[in-house]
Amino acid sequence: MELPAGAAGTSHAELLSGVRSWVESPPLRGLVAHFGGDWPAGDLAAVLAGLDVFSARRWDFRQGRERPDAREPAFDPGTAGLVLAAATALGLVRATPPARSGYAHLLVLGGLAHACLRRTAYAALLARTARVAGEVAVLGSFRPLSPAESAMLAGAGVPGCATEVDVLDAGVRLAFGVDEPARESGGPADHPHRAWSSRTYRPAGLPPVRVLAAPSSEPDRRRAHTADTQRFWAEHVRLRAGDPVLMVTAPIYVPFQHCDALRTLAVPYGCGIETVGVDPAASEPVPVPEPTLTPGRYLQEIRSALRSMRALHAALTTG
């Protein structure tokens, strides 16, 4: 199933059609039925609301926790196979290469420590093979690392990192061959949800690389999430209508983070959005373990995609 189109100039009607096509696809309908759900009645808004409620009841294994702390459900082999097949059809499994030879900007989304290193390495590879007219922007937050992440980094020979943005910064230095930023700035450090930072590197022969830590839009409730980092970057760069933007994440997160970017970047700014997952065959300067992607993880991120599409639908039909 294709995700909603992200090319610059895509109309609201085309985006809504893309949301409907993904949400009402046979793989998703089959998953809902297998887990005992009745397909919601009504228009697309009602369907999305109903699927949000259903997925909260059956596929939310995080329950407000960080992803590594999510409960892992036990499924029989038939259910596990069905989930993997649906996740593959819905675009959460396979990495696809960029479709264009050049972009206005390249965005790298943060995540767990292993993902930060893997994505910055892949971004460096892409920056060397595709023309990037503007900048490479690496987006994260001051989320503290877990003990498991710190142990993994120590084993990989990447010490001295306390937060997600520290790992992104270390990944940029390793992958792009840079030492010190050419420019850096930041905001109040009294609260991790309000703090922000910006470091710009200038690797030889490559576009500038900016590492941003974004503040939360709801600092009293939570840390910065993906949409916060995307908005924060857009405020710091001259993003123009028609600019093609390539975004790098992990394949499992492509659907939900693509739709977040459509909502926070494409709709308000008129830019194009293409989202790709890291190719696992790409070389890395630091070997890091591959994450274990279980049926529970895939169901959790299908729920994330549904919630992101619901937010995109609301942005396209209100205001």
C-alpha atoms as a PDB file:
ATOM      1  CA  MET A   1       0.000   0.000   0.000  1.00  0.00           C
ATOM      2  CA  GLU A   2       1.318   3.420  -0.930  1.00  0.00           C
ATOM      3  CA  LEU A   3       1.334   6.180   1.646  1.00  0.00           C
ATOM      4  CA  PRO A   4      -0.320   9.551   0.962  1.00  0.00           C
ATOM      5  CA  ALA A   5       1.623  11.304  -1.780  1.00  0.00           C
ATOM      6  CA  GLY A   6       4.221  13.790  -0.627  1.00  0.00           C
ATOM      7  CA  ALA A   7       5.188  15.567  -3.846  1.00  0.00           C
ATOM      8  CA  ALA A   8       5.080  19.351  -3.743  1.00  0.00           C
ATOM      9  CA  GLY A   9       1.793  20.619  -5.097  1.00  0.00           C
ATOM     10  CA  THR A  10      -0.240  17.615  -3.933  1.00  0.00           C
ATOM     11  CA  SER A  11      -3.753  18.904  -3.244  1.00  0.00           C
ATOM     12  CA  HIS A  12      -5.631  18.439   0.007  1.00  0.00           C
ATOM     13  CA  ALA A  13      -8.096  16.220  -1.825  1.00  0.00           C
ATOM     14  CA  GLU A  14      -5.260  13.989  -3.055  1.00  0.00           C
ATOM     15  CA  LEU A  15      -3.793  13.760   0.450  1.00  0.00           C
ATOM     16  CA  LEU A  16      -7.180  12.794   1.883  1.00  0.00           C
ATOM     17  CA  SER A  17      -7.588  10.182  -0.843  1.00  0.00           C
ATOM     18  CA  GLY A  18      -4.187   8.756   0.096  1.00  0.00           C
ATOM     19  CA  VAL A  19      -5.147   8.565   3.756  1.00  0.00           C
ATOM     20  CA  ARG A  20      -8.399   6.791   2.868  1.00  0.00           C
ATOM     21  CA  SER A  21      -6.624   4.313   0.588  1.00  0.00           C
ATOM     22  CA  TRP A  22      -4.104   3.305   3.283  1.00  0.00           C
ATOM     23  CA  VAL A  23      -6.591   3.204   6.147  1.00  0.00           C
ATOM     24  CA  GLU A  24      -9.274   1.259   4.301  1.00  0.00           C
ATOM     25  CA  SER A  25      -6.857  -1.199   2.679  1.00  0.00           C
ATOM     26  CA  PRO A  26      -7.461  -4.961   2.910  1.00  0.00           C
ATOM     27  CA  PRO A  27      -4.345  -5.617   5.070  1.00  0.00           C
ATOM     28  CA  LEU A  28      -5.521  -3.205   7.758  1.00  0.00           C
ATOM     29  CA  ARG A  29      -9.118  -4.421   7.569  1.00  0.00           C
ATOM     30  CA  GLY A  30      -7.838  -7.986   7.960  1.00  0.00           C
ATOM     31  CA  LEU A  31      -5.795  -7.078  11.035  1.00  0.00           C
ATOM     32  CA  VAL A  32      -8.740  -5.362  12.708  1.00  0.00           C
ATOM     33  CA  ALA A  33     -10.988  -8.342  12.045  1.00  0.00           C
ATOM     34  CA  HIS A  34      -8.384 -10.827  13.303  1.00  0.00           C
ATOM     35  CA  PHE A  35      -8.103  -8.935  16.600  1.00  0.00           C
ATOM     36  CA  GLY A  36     -11.858  -8.972  17.108  1.00  0.00           C
ATOM     37  CA  GLY A  37     -12.740  -5.498  15.900  1.00  0.00           C
ATOM     38  CA  ASP A  38     -15.743  -4.362  13.895  1.00  0.00           C
ATOM     39  CA  TRP A  39     -14.922  -1.918  11.126  1.00  0.00           C
ATOM     40  CA  PRO A  40     -16.084   1.567  12.233  1.00  0.00           C
ATOM     41  CA  ALA A  41     -19.094   3.024  10.463  1.00  0.00           C
ATOM     42  CA  GLY A  42     -19.325   6.541   9.037  1.00  0.00           C
ATOM     43  CA  ASP A  43     -17.101   8.903   7.096  1.00  0.00           C
ATOM     44  CA  LEU A  44     -13.294   8.874   7.122  1.00  0.00           C
ATOM     45  CA  ALA A  45     -13.121  10.994  10.285  1.00  0.00           C
ATOM     46  CA  ALA A  46     -15.368   8.506  12.102  1.00  0.00           C
ATOM     47  CA  VAL A  47     -13.364   5.544  10.799  1.00  0.00           C
ATOM     48  CA  LEU A  48     -10.108   7.099  11.994  1.00  0.00           C
ATOM     49  CA  ALA A  49     -11.605   7.896  15.395  1.00  0.00           C
ATOM     50  CA  GLY A  50     -12.940   4.363  15.737  1.00  0.00           C
ATOM     51  CA  LEU A  51      -9.609   2.820  14.759  1.00  0.00           C
ATOM     52  CA  ASP A  52      -7.828   5.067  17.257  1.00  0.00           C
ATOM     53  CA  VAL A  53     -10.052   3.735  20.036  1.00  0.00           C
ATOM     54  CA  PHE A  54      -9.725   0.132  18.842  1.00  0.00           C
ATOM     55  CA  SER A  55      -5.937   0.272  18.494  1.00  0.00           C
ATOM     56  CA  ALA A  56      -5.611   1.860  21.936  1.00  0.00           C
ATOM     57  CA  ARG A  57      -7.432  -1.129  23.383  1.00  0.00           C
ATOM     58  CA  ARG A  58      -5.680  -3.883  21.403  1.00  0.00           C
ATOM     59  CA  TRP A  59      -2.333  -2.577  20.058  1.00  0.00           C
ATOM     60  CA  ASP A  60      -1.056  -0.016  22.583  1.00  0.00           C
ATOM     61  CA  PHE A  61       1.650  -1.934  24.403  1.00  0.00           C
ATOM     62  CA  ARG A  62       3.509   1.205  25.507  1.00  0.00           C
ATOM     63  CA  GLN A  63       0.786   2.633  27.748  1.00  0.00           C
ATOM     64  CA  GLY A  64       2.630   5.949  27.960  1.00  0.00           C
ATOM     65  CA  ARG A  65       6.085   4.372  28.340  1.00  0.00           C
ATOM     66  CA  GLU A  66       9.067   4.819  26.039  1.00  0.00           C
ATOM     67  CA  ARG A  67       9.254   2.301  23.191  1.00  0.00           C
ATOM     68  CA  PRO A  68      11.949   0.070  24.764  1.00  0.00           C
ATOM     69  CA  ASP A  69       9.755  -0.324  27.845  1.00  0.00           C
ATOM     70  CA  ALA A  70       6.668  -1.492  25.964  1.00  0.00           C
ATOM     71  CA  ARG A  71       5.103  -4.804  26.943  1.00  0.00           C
ATOM     72  CA  GLU A  72       5.715  -7.545  24.397  1.00  0.00           C
ATOM     73  CA  PRO A  73       2.604  -9.652  23.769  1.00  0.00           C
ATOM     74  CA  ALA A  74       2.750 -13.367  23.018  1.00  0.00           C
ATOM     75  CA  PHE A  75       1.116 -14.367  19.720  1.00  0.00           C
ATOM     76  CA  ASP A  76       0.590 -17.730  18.077  1.00  0.00           C
ATOM     77  CA  PRO A  77       2.541 -18.318  14.831  1.00  0.00           C
ATOM     78  CA  GLY A  78      -0.487 -17.667  12.632  1.00  0.00           C
ATOM     79  CA  THR A  79      -1.147 -14.276  14.225  1.00  0.00           C
ATOM     80  CA  ALA A  80       2.539 -13.345  14.100  1.00  0.00           C
ATOM     81  CA  GLY A  81       2.647 -14.196  10.399  1.00  0.00           C
ATOM     82  CA  LEU A  82      -0.484 -12.181   9.695  1.00  0.00           C
ATOM     83  CA  VAL A  83       0.942  -9.143  11.490  1.00  0.00           C
ATOM     84  CA  LEU A  84       4.230  -9.324   9.567  1.00  0.00           C
ATOM     85  CA  ALA A  85       2.433  -9.694   6.236  1.00  0.00           C
ATOM     86  CA  ALA A  86       0.192  -6.714   7.005  1.00  0.00           C
ATOM     87  CA  ALA A  87       3.130  -4.600   8.195  1.00  0.00           C
ATOM     88  CA  THR A  88       4.971  -5.412   4.963  1.00  0.00           C
ATOM     89  CA  ALA A  89       1.989  -4.451   2.814  1.00  0.00           C
ATOM     90  CA  LEU A  90       1.466  -1.235   4.803  1.00  0.00           C
ATOM     91  CA  GLY A  91       5.069  -0.074   4.291  1.00  0.00           C
ATOM     92  CA  LEU A  92       6.690  -0.742   7.690  1.00  0.00           C
ATOM     93  CA  VAL A  93       9.218  -3.429   6.734  1.00  0.00           C
ATOM     94  CA  ARG A  94      11.202  -2.857   3.557  1.00  0.00           C
ATOM     95  CA  ALA A  95      13.604   0.016   2.921  1.00  0.00           C
ATOM     96  CA  THR A  96      13.223   1.817  -0.402  1.00  0.00           C
ATOM     97  CA  PRO A  97      15.866   4.041  -2.033  1.00  0.00           C
ATOM     98  CA  PRO A  98      15.271   7.753  -2.617  1.00  0.00           C
ATOM     99  CA  ALA A  99      13.311   8.455  -5.801  1.00  0.00           C
ATOM    100  CA  ARG A 100      15.140  11.647  -6.824  1.00  0.00           C
ATOM    101  CA  SER A 101      18.745  12.522  -7.574  1.00  0.00           C
ATOM    102  CA  GLY A 102      18.569  15.810  -5.673  1.00  0.00           C
ATOM    103  CA  TYR A 103      16.740  17.507  -2.799  1.00  0.00           C
ATOM    104  CA  ALA A 104      16.507  20.924  -1.224  1.00  0.00           C
ATOM    105  CA  HIS A 105      17.110  19.486   2.267  1.00  0.00           C
ATOM    106  CA  LEU A 106      17.835  16.161   3.923  1.00  0.00           C
ATOM    107  CA  LEU A 107      16.235  15.528   7.332  1.00  0.00           C
ATOM    108  CA  VAL A 108      17.383  12.857   9.776  1.00  0.00           C
ATOM    109  CA  LEU A 109      15.033  11.958  12.616  1.00  0.00           C
ATOM    110  CA  GLY A 110      16.367  10.964  16.018  1.00  0.00           C
ATOM    111  CA  GLY A 111      15.371   7.925  18.033  1.00  0.00           C
ATOM    112  CA  LEU A 112      16.985   5.324  20.237  1.00  0.00           C
ATOM    113  CA  ALA A 113      20.784   5.378  20.413  1.00  0.00           C
ATOM    114  CA  HIS A 114      21.399   2.633  17.860  1.00  0.00           C
ATOM    115  CA  ALA A 115      19.008   4.358  15.450  1.00  0.00           C
ATOM    116  CA  CYS A 116      20.764   7.715  15.864  1.00  0.00           C
ATOM    117  CA  LEU A 117      24.071   6.182  14.762  1.00  0.00           C
ATOM    118  CA  ARG A 118      22.511   4.168  11.968  1.00  0.00           C
ATOM    119  CA  ARG A 119      20.517   7.090  10.531  1.00  0.00           C
ATOM    120  CA  THR A 120      23.361   9.627  10.635  1.00  0.00           C
ATOM    121  CA  ALA A 121      25.583   7.104   8.847  1.00  0.00           C
ATOM    122  CA  TYR A 122      22.949   6.548   6.165  1.00  0.00           C
ATOM    123  CA  ALA A 123      22.456  10.295   5.804  1.00  0.00           C
ATOM    124  CA  ALA A 124      26.173  10.750   5.171  1.00  0.00           C
ATOM    125  CA  LEU A 125      25.984   8.103   2.449  1.00  0.00           C
ATOM    126  CA  LEU A 126      22.979   9.827   0.859  1.00  0.00           C
ATOM    127  CA  ALA A 127      24.649  13.247   1.072  1.00  0.00           C
ATOM    128  CA  ARG A 128      27.558  11.839  -0.918  1.00  0.00           C
ATOM    129  CA  THR A 129      25.371  10.244  -3.605  1.00  0.00           C
ATOM    130  CA  ALA A 130      22.467  12.712  -3.981  1.00  0.00           C
ATOM    131  CA  ARG A 131      22.667  16.455  -4.473  1.00  0.00           C
ATOM    132  CA  VAL A 132      21.480  18.380  -1.394  1.00  0.00           C
ATOM    133  CA  ALA A 133      21.138  22.064  -2.234  1.00  0.00           C
ATOM    134  CA  GLY A 134      20.397  23.279   1.303  1.00  0.00           C
ATOM    135  CA  GLU A 135      21.394  21.482   4.480  1.00  0.00           C
ATOM    136  CA  VAL A 136      21.379  18.157   6.237  1.00  0.00           C
ATOM    137  CA  ALA A 137      19.318  18.644   9.396  1.00  0.00           C
ATOM    138  CA  VAL A 138      19.552  16.091  12.206  1.00  0.00           C
ATOM    139  CA  LEU A 139      16.570  16.409  14.548  1.00  0.00           C
ATOM    140  CA  GLY A 140      16.338  15.219  18.140  1.00  0.00           C
ATOM    141  CA  SER A 141      15.659  16.247  21.722  1.00  0.00           C
ATOM    142  CA  PHE A 142      17.171  16.165  25.201  1.00  0.00           C
ATOM    143  CA  ARG A 143      15.581  12.796  25.989  1.00  0.00           C
ATOM    144  CA  PRO A 144      17.832  11.078  28.563  1.00  0.00           C
ATOM    145  CA  LEU A 145      19.342   7.791  27.440  1.00  0.00           C
ATOM    146  CA  SER A 146      18.283   4.573  29.123  1.00  0.00           C
ATOM    147  CA  PRO A 147      20.861   2.358  30.860  1.00  0.00           C
ATOM    148  CA  ALA A 148      20.579  -0.119  27.976  1.00  0.00           C
ATOM    149  CA  GLU A 149      21.342   2.601  25.418  1.00  0.00           C
ATOM    150  CA  SER A 150      24.343   3.795  27.435  1.00  0.00           C
ATOM    151  CA  ALA A 151      25.656   0.242  27.692  1.00  0.00           C
ATOM    152  CA  MET A 152      25.264  -0.268  23.939  1.00  0.00           C
ATOM    153  CA  LEU A 153      27.156   2.953  23.209  1.00  0.00           C
ATOM    154  CA  ALA A 154      29.965   2.003  25.585  1.00  0.00           C
ATOM    155  CA  GLY A 155      30.276  -1.364  23.850  1.00  0.00           C
ATOM    156  CA  ALA A 156      30.388   0.374  20.458  1.00  0.00           C
ATOM    157  CA  GLY A 157      33.110   2.762  21.591  1.00  0.00           C
ATOM    158  CA  VAL A 158      30.916   5.887  21.662  1.00  0.00           C
ATOM    159  CA  PRO A 159      31.230   7.235  25.226  1.00  0.00           C
ATOM    160  CA  GLY A 160      30.198  10.541  26.761  1.00  0.00           C
ATOM    161  CA  CYS A 161      26.567  10.663  25.605  1.00  0.00           C
ATOM    162  CA  ALA A 162      23.781  11.452  28.064  1.00  0.00           C
ATOM    163  CA  THR A 163      20.902  12.370  25.738  1.00  0.00           C
ATOM    164  CA  GLU A 164      19.478  11.556  22.319  1.00  0.00           C
ATOM    165  CA  VAL A 165      20.955  14.704  20.784  1.00  0.00           C
ATOM    166  CA  ASP A 166      24.381  13.795  22.190  1.00  0.00           C
ATOM    167  CA  VAL A 167      24.245  10.536  20.218  1.00  0.00           C
ATOM    168  CA  LEU A 168      23.082  12.323  17.076  1.00  0.00           C
ATOM    169  CA  ASP A 169      25.968  14.757  17.442  1.00  0.00           C
ATOM    170  CA  ALA A 170      28.433  11.893  17.929  1.00  0.00           C
ATOM    171  CA  GLY A 171      26.961  10.123  14.901  1.00  0.00           C
ATOM    172  CA  VAL A 172      27.390  13.230  12.745  1.00  0.00           C
ATOM    173  CA  ARG A 173      31.019  13.644  13.814  1.00  0.00           C
ATOM    174  CA  LEU A 174      31.773  10.015  12.992  1.00  0.00           C
ATOM    175  CA  ALA A 175      29.817   9.732   9.731  1.00  0.00           C
ATOM    176  CA  PHE A 176      30.656  13.138   8.253  1.00  0.00           C
ATOM    177  CA  GLY A 177      34.257  13.304   9.508  1.00  0.00           C
ATOM    178  CA  VAL A 178      33.917  16.568  11.448  1.00  0.00           C
ATOM    179  CA  ASP A 179      35.292  17.640  14.831  1.00  0.00           C
ATOM    180  CA  GLU A 180      33.987  21.006  15.999  1.00  0.00           C
ATOM    181  CA  PRO A 181      30.856  22.929  14.988  1.00  0.00           C
ATOM    182  CA  ALA A 182      31.283  26.082  12.935  1.00  0.00           C
ATOM    183  CA  ARG A 183      28.378  27.653  14.792  1.00  0.00           C
ATOM    184  CA  GLU A 184      26.320  26.757  17.862  1.00  0.00           C
ATOM    185  CA  SER A 185      23.556  28.295  19.944  1.00  0.00           C
ATOM    186  CA  GLY A 186      20.942  27.237  22.453  1.00  0.00           C
ATOM    187  CA  GLY A 187      18.078  28.148  24.718  1.00  0.00           C
ATOM    188  CA  PRO A 188      17.231  27.828  28.423  1.00  0.00           C
ATOM    189  CA  ALA A 189      18.735  24.704  29.955  1.00  0.00           C
ATOM    190  CA  ASP A 190      16.786  24.856  33.216  1.00  0.00           C
ATOM    191  CA  HIS A 191      14.252  22.265  32.006  1.00  0.00           C
ATOM    192  CA  PRO A 192      14.944  19.466  29.486  1.00  0.00           C
ATOM    193  CA  HIS A 193      11.506  19.859  27.868  1.00  0.00           C
ATOM    194  CA  ARG A 194      12.065  23.584  27.232  1.00  0.00           C
ATOM    195  CA  ALA A 195      15.736  23.557  26.291  1.00  0.00           C
ATOM    196  CA  TRP A 196      16.941  23.687  22.701  1.00  0.00           C
ATOM    197  CA  SER A 197      20.291  23.656  20.941  1.00  0.00           C
ATOM    198  CA  SER A 198      21.693  24.059  17.433  1.00  0.00           C
ATOM    199  CA  ARG A 199      25.117  23.009  16.142  1.00  0.00           C
ATOM    200  CA  THR A 200      26.166  23.500  12.523  1.00  0.00           C
ATOM    201  CA  TYR A 201      29.070  21.576  10.996  1.00  0.00           C
ATOM    202  CA  ARG A 202      30.677  22.204   7.616  1.00  0.00           C
ATOM    203  CA  PRO A 203      32.128  18.948   6.270  1.00  0.00           C
ATOM    204  CA  ALA A 204      34.444  19.299   3.292  1.00  0.00           C
ATOM    205  CA  GLY A 205      32.720  18.802  -0.042  1.00  0.00           C
ATOM    206  CA  LEU A 206      29.284  18.239   1.522  1.00  0.00           C
ATOM    207  CA  PRO A 207      26.344  20.441   2.504  1.00  0.00           C
ATOM    208  CA  PRO A 208      26.277  21.951   6.005  1.00  0.00           C
ATOM    209  CA  VAL A 209      24.989  19.638   8.712  1.00  0.00           C
ATOM    210  CA  ARG A 210      22.863  21.086  11.505  1.00  0.00           C
ATOM    211  CA  VAL A 211      22.149  19.090  14.689  1.00  0.00           C
ATOM    212  CA  LEU A 212      19.035  20.426  16.406  1.00  0.00           C
ATOM    213  CA  ALA A 213      17.524  19.570  19.780  1.00  0.00           C
ATOM    214  CA  ALA A 214      13.949  20.837  19.855  1.00  0.00           C
ATOM    215  CA  PRO A 215      11.868  21.999  22.810  1.00  0.00           C
ATOM    216  CA  SER A 216       8.487  20.436  23.521  1.00  0.00           C
ATOM    217  CA  SER A 217       5.329  22.255  22.460  1.00  0.00           C
ATOM    218  CA  GLU A 218       3.815  20.970  25.729  1.00  0.00           C
ATOM    219  CA  PRO A 219       6.782  21.148  28.130  1.00  0.00           C
ATOM    220  CA  ASP A 220       4.688  20.655  31.263  1.00  0.00           C
ATOM    221  CA  ARG A 221       3.378  17.320  29.930  1.00  0.00           C
ATOM    222  CA  ARG A 222       6.047  15.609  27.840  1.00  0.00           C
ATOM    223  CA  ARG A 223       9.331  15.745  25.974  1.00  0.00           C
ATOM    224  CA  ALA A 224       9.569  16.914  22.359  1.00  0.00           C
ATOM    225  CA  HIS A 225       8.151  14.463  19.838  1.00  0.00           C
ATOM    226  CA  THR A 226       8.652  14.043  16.088  1.00  0.00           C
ATOM    227  CA  ALA A 227       6.265  16.805  15.038  1.00  0.00           C
ATOM    228  CA  ASP A 228       7.921  19.235  17.487  1.00  0.00           C
ATOM    229  CA  THR A 229      11.332  18.589  15.967  1.00  0.00           C
ATOM    230  CA  GLN A 230       9.998  19.038  12.431  1.00  0.00           C
ATOM    231  CA  ARG A 231       8.307  22.346  13.265  1.00  0.00           C
ATOM    232  CA  PHE A 232      11.377  23.581  15.120  1.00  0.00           C
ATOM    233  CA  TRP A 233      13.579  22.873  12.114  1.00  0.00           C
ATOM    234  CA  ALA A 234      11.150  24.589   9.739  1.00  0.00           C
ATOM    235  CA  GLU A 235      11.383  27.725  11.872  1.00  0.00           C
ATOM    236  CA  HIS A 236      15.184  27.710  11.553  1.00  0.00           C
ATOM    237  CA  VAL A 237      15.501  27.215   7.802  1.00  0.00           C
ATOM    238  CA  ARG A 238      14.125  29.072   4.797  1.00  0.00           C
ATOM    239  CA  LEU A 239      11.740  26.361   3.689  1.00  0.00           C
ATOM    240  CA  ARG A 240      10.080  27.358   0.440  1.00  0.00           C
ATOM    241  CA  ALA A 241       7.011  26.127  -1.388  1.00  0.00           C
ATOM    242  CA  GLY A 242       8.052  23.489  -3.878  1.00  0.00           C
ATOM    243  CA  ASP A 243      11.224  22.462  -2.036  1.00  0.00           C
ATOM    244  CA  PRO A 244      11.686  18.671  -2.210  1.00  0.00           C
ATOM    245  CA  VAL A 245      12.667  17.393   1.243  1.00  0.00           C
ATOM    246  CA  LEU A 246      14.032  13.891   1.886  1.00  0.00           C
ATOM    247  CA  MET A 247      13.496  12.492   5.383  1.00  0.00           C
ATOM    248  CA  VAL A 248      15.385   9.528   6.861  1.00  0.00           C
ATOM    249  CA  THR A 249      14.072   7.275   9.629  1.00  0.00           C
ATOM    250  CA  ALA A 250      13.701   3.517  10.172  1.00  0.00           C
ATOM    251  CA  PRO A 251      11.355   1.535   7.902  1.00  0.00           C
ATOM    252  CA  ILE A 252       9.029   0.673  10.795  1.00  0.00           C
ATOM    253  CA  TYR A 253       8.416   4.386  11.466  1.00  0.00           C
ATOM    254  CA  VAL A 254       8.054   5.549   7.848  1.00  0.00           C
ATOM    255  CA  PRO A 255       4.204   5.657   7.727  1.00  0.00           C
ATOM    256  CA  PHE A 256       3.647   7.633  10.910  1.00  0.00           C
ATOM    257  CA  GLN A 257       6.592  10.002  10.529  1.00  0.00           C
ATOM    258  CA  HIS A 258       5.803  10.616   6.858  1.00  0.00           C
ATOM    259  CA  CYS A 259       2.269  11.682   7.765  1.00  0.00           C
ATOM    260  CA  ASP A 260       3.555  13.837  10.624  1.00  0.00           C
ATOM    261  CA  ALA A 261       5.830  15.602   8.122  1.00  0.00           C
ATOM    262  CA  LEU A 262       2.968  16.086   5.677  1.00  0.00           C
ATOM    263  CA  ARG A 263       0.984  17.761   8.457  1.00  0.00           C
ATOM    264  CA  THR A 264       3.749  19.893   9.965  1.00  0.00           C
ATOM    265  CA  LEU A 265       5.789  20.724   6.837  1.00  0.00           C
ATOM    266  CA  ALA A 266       4.020  19.982   3.543  1.00  0.00           C
ATOM    267  CA  VAL A 267       0.605  21.419   4.405  1.00  0.00           C
ATOM    268  CA  PRO A 268       1.732  24.725   5.977  1.00  0.00           C
ATOM    269  CA  TYR A 269       4.836  25.331   3.819  1.00  0.00           C
ATOM    270  CA  GLY A 270       3.934  23.714   0.495  1.00  0.00           C
ATOM    271  CA  CYS A 271       7.155  21.701   0.319  1.00  0.00           C
ATOM    272  CA  GLY A 272       7.475  18.141  -0.931  1.00  0.00           C
ATOM    273  CA  ILE A 273       8.093  15.272   1.500  1.00  0.00           C
ATOM    274  CA  GLU A 274       9.678  11.927   0.675  1.00  0.00           C
ATOM    275  CA  THR A 275      10.361   9.557   3.573  1.00  0.00           C
ATOM    276  CA  VAL A 276      12.747   6.607   3.399  1.00  0.00           C
ATOM    277  CA  GLY A 277      13.924   4.017   5.890  1.00  0.00           C
ATOM    278  CA  VAL A 278      17.575   3.229   6.464  1.00  0.00           C
ATOM    279  CA  ASP A 279      18.817   0.492   4.172  1.00  0.00           C
ATOM    280  CA  PRO A 280      20.149  -2.254   6.488  1.00  0.00           C
ATOM    281  CA  ALA A 281      22.765  -3.153   3.871  1.00  0.00           C
ATOM    282  CA  ALA A 282      24.352   0.313   4.066  1.00  0.00           C
ATOM    283  CA  SER A 283      27.779   0.474   5.692  1.00  0.00           C
ATOM    284  CA  GLU A 284      28.174   2.115   9.102  1.00  0.00           C
ATOM    285  CA  PRO A 285      31.236   3.721  10.730  1.00  0.00           C
ATOM    286  CA  VAL A 286      30.247   2.169  14.075  1.00  0.00           C
ATOM    287  CA  PRO A 287      28.729  -1.330  14.159  1.00  0.00           C
ATOM    288  CA  VAL A 288      25.554  -1.300  16.231  1.00  0.00           C
ATOM    289  CA  PRO A 289      23.136  -4.161  16.903  1.00  0.00           C
ATOM    290  CA  GLU A 290      20.059  -4.528  14.753  1.00  0.00           C
ATOM    291  CA  PRO A 291      16.863  -4.033  16.782  1.00  0.00           C
ATOM    292  CA  THR A 292      14.499  -6.937  17.277  1.00  0.00           C
ATOM    293  CA  LEU A 293      11.271  -6.080  15.473  1.00  0.00           C
ATOM    294  CA  THR A 294       8.472  -8.182  16.902  1.00  0.00           C
ATOM    295  CA  PRO A 295       4.757  -8.450  15.998  1.00  0.00           C
ATOM    296  CA  GLY A 296       3.995  -6.252  18.997  1.00  0.00           C
ATOM    297  CA  ARG A 297       6.370  -3.557  17.740  1.00  0.00           C
ATOM    298  CA  TYR A 298       4.748  -3.594  14.311  1.00  0.00           C
ATOM    299  CA  LEU A 299       1.231  -3.344  15.752  1.00  0.00           C
ATOM    300  CA  GLN A 300       2.332  -0.457  17.975  1.00  0.00           C
ATOM    301  CA  GLU A 301       3.647   1.477  14.966  1.00  0.00           C
ATOM    302  CA  ILE A 302       0.579   0.690  12.861  1.00  0.00           C
ATOM    303  CA  ARG A 303      -1.327   2.373  15.679  1.00  0.00           C
ATOM    304  CA  SER A 304       1.129   5.304  15.522  1.00  0.00           C
ATOM    305  CA  ALA A 305       0.462   5.588  11.785  1.00  0.00           C
ATOM    306  CA  LEU A 306      -3.294   5.609  12.349  1.00  0.00           C
ATOM    307  CA  ARG A 307      -3.009   8.375  14.925  1.00  0.00           C
ATOM    308  CA  SER A 308      -0.720  10.384  12.641  1.00  0.00           C
ATOM    309  CA  MET A 309      -3.182   9.997   9.763  1.00  0.00           C
ATOM    310  CA  ARG A 310      -6.023  11.070  12.024  1.00  0.00           C
ATOM    311  CA  ALA A 311      -4.082  14.246  12.912  1.00  0.00           C
ATOM    312  CA  LEU A 312      -3.307  14.844   9.223  1.00  0.00           C
ATOM    313  CA  HIS A 313      -6.970  14.394   8.336  1.00  0.00           C
ATOM    314  CA  ALA A 314      -7.957  16.934  10.978  1.00  0.00           C
ATOM    315  CA  ALA A 315      -5.396  19.448   9.681  1.00  0.00           C
ATOM    316  CA  LEU A 316      -6.711  19.056   6.147  1.00  0.00           C
ATOM    317  CA  THR A 317     -10.409  19.372   7.003  1.00  0.00           C
ATOM    318  CA  THR A 318     -10.475  22.062   9.718  1.00  0.00           C
ATOM    319  CA  GLY A 319      -9.207  25.585  10.086  1.00  0.00           C
END
